[in-house]
Amino acid sequence: MRIPRVYVDAELQENTRFTLPDATFQHLCKVLRLKSGHPIRLFNGQGGQYHATLADVEKRQAKADITEFEPLHNESPLKVTIGQTLSRGERMDYAIQKSVEAGVYAIQPLFSERCEVKLNDSRIEKRLNHWQQVAISAAEQSGRGIVPKVYPPIALDSWVAECSDLLKLTLHHHSAKPLKNFACPANNHISLLIGPEGGLTEEEVKTSINHNFNPIALGPRVLRTETAPVIALGVLNLLWGDI
């Protein structure tokens, strides 16, 4: 029996009856057509998940009987924040989705000189809500107990100036320095800057270096902006994490 796993933005407790949010009710009872008595898993992004059973499924709402909390031990020991320059279409969605699956800690969308995405305030809020939902769905699918935060987009220059992680990296394919030449920071916090489809400008690379970012290469091939974070996270977790 398939046991759906869904995120709910609410406090959860063992041995309680919980009224499902409308969106969760629609997904479980209208789309999946689950009935009372079907087991489900709930998580709220605070770590772990709760075993529950659907109850009192009605026309417009349903409840869940929460039985027990299950700790999860599948978070990477690395706390990697990716500064991901905005890309067009579904590429940004892909970068966020796969980064969450690969264990990212947080995602900071960035505007850069060659970034072709322009957003006004109303569109920023809409896109941010969408990106956070992409992260939630990826966390549901990959079995994570937390949902990585997607921050509001800011200028690349501002982010590199404010970033305070012990190890700061700029993915730059002209760099000859491989990642294995670095050591894992003592607190496991790492920031990784990834450029847009057209790449970072030389001035942007210099700016990052001036703020103690280290240019790195992930092999001799040029990576697409949406695949770069996935490969980088895989390499980082292979070197210092849980792969």
Protein backbone atom coordinates (compact mmCIF):
# COMPACT_ATOMS: atom_id res chain seq x y z
CA MET A 1 0.00 0.00 0.00
CA ARG A 2 1.33 3.38 -1.02
CA ILE A 3 1.55 5.75 1.94
CA PRO A 4 1.40 9.40 0.80
CA ARG A 5 3.73 11.84 2.52
CA VAL A 6 2.61 15.47 2.69
CA TYR A 7 3.82 18.75 4.14
CA VAL A 8 1.56 20.80 6.40
CA ASP A 9 2.40 24.24 7.73
CA ALA A 10 1.14 23.62 11.26
CA GLU A 11 2.16 22.36 14.67
CA LEU A 12 1.80 18.59 14.95
CA GLN A 13 1.64 16.40 18.05
CA GLU A 14 1.45 12.70 18.76
CA ASN A 15 -1.91 11.19 19.80
CA THR A 16 -4.01 14.08 18.50
CA ARG A 17 -6.68 14.53 15.82
CA PHE A 18 -5.69 17.14 13.24
CA THR A 19 -7.93 18.89 10.69
CA LEU A 20 -6.17 18.81 7.33
CA PRO A 21 -5.61 22.12 5.51
CA ASP A 22 -7.78 22.59 2.42
CA ALA A 23 -4.95 22.01 -0.06
CA THR A 24 -3.89 18.81 1.72
CA PHE A 25 -7.50 17.62 1.83
CA GLN A 26 -7.93 18.28 -1.88
CA HIS A 27 -4.76 16.38 -2.75
CA LEU A 28 -5.36 13.35 -0.55
CA CYS A 29 -9.12 12.97 -0.77
CA LYS A 30 -10.06 14.50 -4.12
CA VAL A 31 -7.02 13.80 -6.30
CA LEU A 32 -5.79 10.56 -4.73
CA ARG A 33 -9.33 9.57 -3.60
CA LEU A 34 -8.18 8.22 -0.25
CA LYS A 35 -10.77 7.15 2.29
CA SER A 36 -10.96 7.08 6.06
CA GLY A 37 -8.53 4.60 7.56
CA HIS A 38 -5.79 5.10 4.93
CA PRO A 39 -2.31 5.62 6.44
CA ILE A 40 -0.46 8.84 5.64
CA ARG A 41 2.73 10.59 6.73
CA LEU A 42 2.76 14.25 7.75
CA PHE A 43 5.73 16.56 8.24
CA ASN A 44 5.99 20.26 8.99
CA GLY A 45 9.60 21.00 8.13
CA GLN A 46 10.80 20.96 11.74
CA GLY A 47 12.52 17.60 11.40
CA GLY A 48 11.11 14.09 11.33
CA GLN A 49 7.64 12.98 10.30
CA TYR A 50 4.40 11.84 11.90
CA HIS A 51 2.53 8.61 11.26
CA ALA A 52 -1.19 9.24 10.87
CA THR A 53 -4.43 7.79 9.55
CA LEU A 54 -7.15 9.59 7.62
CA ALA A 55 -10.36 10.02 9.62
CA ASP A 56 -13.79 11.61 9.16
CA VAL A 57 -13.39 12.12 5.42
CA GLU A 58 -16.32 14.31 4.38
CA LYS A 59 -17.30 16.28 1.31
CA ARG A 60 -15.29 19.38 2.18
CA GLN A 61 -12.83 18.37 4.88
CA ALA A 62 -11.03 15.51 6.56
CA LYS A 63 -9.05 14.87 9.70
CA ALA A 64 -5.98 12.83 10.52
CA ASP A 65 -5.37 10.79 13.65
CA ILE A 66 -1.70 11.32 14.45
CA THR A 67 -0.19 8.34 16.26
CA GLU A 68 3.58 8.70 16.59
CA PHE A 69 6.56 10.83 15.65
CA GLU A 70 9.40 9.28 13.64
CA PRO A 71 12.81 10.99 13.78
CA LEU A 72 14.61 11.13 10.46
CA HIS A 73 18.37 10.94 10.09
CA ASN A 74 18.81 11.76 6.43
CA GLU A 75 19.97 15.38 6.50
CA SER A 76 23.43 16.09 5.15
CA PRO A 77 25.96 17.19 7.79
CA LEU A 78 26.89 19.96 5.36
CA LYS A 79 24.97 23.23 5.48
CA VAL A 80 25.28 24.38 1.88
CA THR A 81 23.64 27.63 0.80
CA ILE A 82 23.52 28.05 -2.95
CA GLY A 83 23.49 31.51 -4.48
CA GLN A 84 21.66 30.62 -7.69
CA THR A 85 21.47 33.29 -10.37
CA LEU A 86 17.97 33.48 -11.83
CA SER A 87 17.33 31.60 -15.05
CA ARG A 88 14.43 31.51 -17.47
CA GLY A 89 11.46 29.18 -17.70
CA GLU A 90 11.60 25.88 -15.88
CA ARG A 91 15.37 25.98 -15.35
CA MET A 92 15.08 27.75 -12.00
CA ASP A 93 12.43 25.26 -10.88
CA TYR A 94 14.72 22.40 -11.87
CA ALA A 95 17.68 23.89 -10.02
CA ILE A 96 15.64 24.30 -6.83
CA GLN A 97 13.94 20.90 -7.05
CA LYS A 98 17.11 18.92 -7.64
CA SER A 99 19.12 20.92 -5.11
CA VAL A 100 16.59 20.03 -2.43
CA GLU A 101 16.75 16.37 -3.44
CA ALA A 102 20.55 16.57 -3.27
CA GLY A 103 20.51 17.96 0.29
CA VAL A 104 20.85 21.75 -0.04
CA TYR A 105 20.44 23.74 3.18
CA ALA A 106 19.13 27.01 1.68
CA ILE A 107 18.78 28.73 -1.70
CA GLN A 108 19.41 32.41 -2.40
CA PRO A 109 18.15 33.53 -5.85
CA LEU A 110 20.33 36.25 -7.36
CA PHE A 111 20.21 38.98 -10.00
CA SER A 112 23.42 39.37 -12.01
CA GLU A 113 24.65 41.36 -15.01
CA ARG A 114 23.84 38.60 -17.50
CA CYS A 115 20.65 37.51 -15.76
CA GLU A 116 17.82 37.78 -18.32
CA VAL A 117 15.02 37.48 -15.77
CA LYS A 118 13.40 40.77 -14.76
CA LEU A 119 10.90 40.79 -11.89
CA ASN A 120 8.92 43.64 -10.32
CA ASP A 121 7.78 43.49 -6.70
CA SER A 122 4.48 41.72 -7.42
CA ARG A 123 6.13 39.12 -9.64
CA ILE A 124 8.91 38.55 -7.09
CA GLU A 125 6.37 37.62 -4.42
CA LYS A 126 4.52 35.31 -6.81
CA ARG A 127 7.71 33.60 -7.99
CA LEU A 128 9.04 33.28 -4.44
CA ASN A 129 5.86 31.50 -3.33
CA HIS A 130 6.15 29.24 -6.35
CA TRP A 131 9.81 28.43 -5.69
CA GLN A 132 9.10 27.64 -2.04
CA GLN A 133 6.34 25.26 -3.13
CA VAL A 134 8.80 23.57 -5.50
CA ALA A 135 11.12 23.09 -2.51
CA ILE A 136 8.25 21.70 -0.40
CA SER A 137 7.27 19.20 -3.09
CA ALA A 138 10.88 18.09 -3.49
CA ALA A 139 11.23 17.63 0.27
CA GLU A 140 8.03 15.55 0.29
CA GLN A 141 9.30 13.33 -2.51
CA SER A 142 12.82 12.89 -1.18
CA GLY A 143 11.80 12.06 2.38
CA ARG A 144 13.42 15.05 4.07
CA GLY A 145 12.25 16.24 7.47
CA ILE A 146 13.04 19.89 6.79
CA VAL A 147 12.20 22.18 3.88
CA PRO A 148 15.12 24.33 2.68
CA LYS A 149 14.36 28.05 2.73
CA VAL A 150 14.21 29.91 -0.58
CA TYR A 151 15.02 33.57 0.12
CA PRO A 152 13.75 36.61 -1.81
CA PRO A 153 16.01 37.47 -4.78
CA ILE A 154 18.75 40.04 -4.22
CA ALA A 155 21.66 41.43 -6.23
CA LEU A 156 24.68 39.17 -6.57
CA ASP A 157 27.01 41.90 -5.30
CA SER A 158 24.93 42.31 -2.14
CA TRP A 159 24.91 38.61 -1.37
CA VAL A 160 28.64 38.03 -1.76
CA ALA A 161 29.32 41.08 0.42
CA GLU A 162 26.97 39.86 3.19
CA CYS A 163 27.87 36.17 3.09
CA SER A 164 29.65 35.04 6.26
CA ASP A 165 30.12 31.28 5.83
CA LEU A 166 33.58 29.90 6.56
CA LEU A 167 34.00 28.38 3.10
CA LYS A 168 32.77 30.41 0.13
CA LEU A 169 33.05 29.08 -3.41
CA THR A 170 32.43 30.50 -6.87
CA LEU A 171 31.77 27.99 -9.63
CA HIS A 172 33.91 29.26 -12.49
CA HIS A 173 34.91 26.94 -15.31
CA HIS A 174 38.05 28.94 -16.12
CA SER A 175 39.45 28.12 -12.68
CA ALA A 176 42.04 25.36 -12.54
CA LYS A 177 41.61 24.75 -8.83
CA PRO A 178 39.57 21.60 -8.07
CA LEU A 179 37.28 21.29 -5.09
CA LYS A 180 39.37 18.51 -3.55
CA ASN A 181 42.11 21.07 -2.86
CA PHE A 182 39.95 22.65 -0.15
CA ALA A 183 39.17 21.43 3.35
CA CYS A 184 35.72 21.17 4.90
CA PRO A 185 35.08 24.12 7.26
CA ALA A 186 34.87 23.35 10.97
CA ASN A 187 31.18 24.25 11.22
CA ASN A 188 30.22 22.59 7.87
CA HIS A 189 28.71 25.84 6.53
CA ILE A 190 29.45 26.44 2.84
CA SER A 191 28.23 29.05 0.34
CA LEU A 192 28.35 28.33 -3.39
CA LEU A 193 27.87 30.99 -6.07
CA ILE A 194 26.46 29.80 -9.42
CA GLY A 195 26.17 32.07 -12.44
CA PRO A 196 23.42 32.46 -15.06
CA GLU A 197 23.09 30.86 -18.48
CA GLY A 198 25.64 33.29 -19.93
CA GLY A 199 28.02 32.82 -17.02
CA LEU A 200 29.40 35.28 -14.51
CA THR A 201 31.26 38.31 -15.81
CA GLU A 202 34.94 38.66 -14.98
CA GLU A 203 34.06 41.63 -12.78
CA GLU A 204 31.55 39.52 -10.82
CA VAL A 205 34.13 36.79 -10.32
CA LYS A 206 36.63 39.42 -9.09
CA THR A 207 34.01 40.86 -6.74
CA SER A 208 33.38 37.45 -5.23
CA ILE A 209 37.12 36.87 -4.83
CA ASN A 210 37.43 40.25 -3.07
CA HIS A 211 34.89 38.93 -0.54
CA ASN A 212 36.86 35.72 0.07
CA PHE A 213 35.06 33.48 -2.39
CA ASN A 214 37.31 30.85 -3.96
CA PRO A 215 36.91 30.06 -7.67
CA ILE A 216 36.53 26.33 -8.27
CA ALA A 217 36.05 24.05 -11.25
CA LEU A 218 34.06 20.82 -11.38
CA GLY A 219 35.96 19.24 -14.24
CA PRO A 220 36.85 20.43 -17.73
CA ARG A 221 33.28 20.66 -19.09
CA VAL A 222 30.98 23.69 -18.97
CA LEU A 223 27.89 22.97 -16.86
CA ARG A 224 24.43 24.41 -17.43
CA THR A 225 23.22 26.73 -14.70
CA GLU A 226 20.47 24.33 -13.60
CA THR A 227 22.69 21.23 -13.44
CA ALA A 228 25.66 22.90 -11.75
CA PRO A 229 24.13 22.95 -8.23
CA VAL A 230 23.18 19.28 -8.40
CA ILE A 231 26.65 18.15 -9.43
CA ALA A 232 28.30 20.50 -6.92
CA LEU A 233 26.15 19.19 -4.05
CA GLY A 234 26.94 15.62 -5.07
CA VAL A 235 30.68 16.31 -5.07
CA LEU A 236 30.56 18.18 -1.75
CA ASN A 237 28.63 15.37 -0.06
CA LEU A 238 30.97 12.78 -1.54
CA LEU A 239 34.01 14.63 -0.20
CA TRP A 240 32.73 15.72 3.20
CA GLY A 241 29.10 14.72 3.61
CA ASP A 242 27.00 11.58 3.64
CA ILE A 243 27.58 9.97 0.24
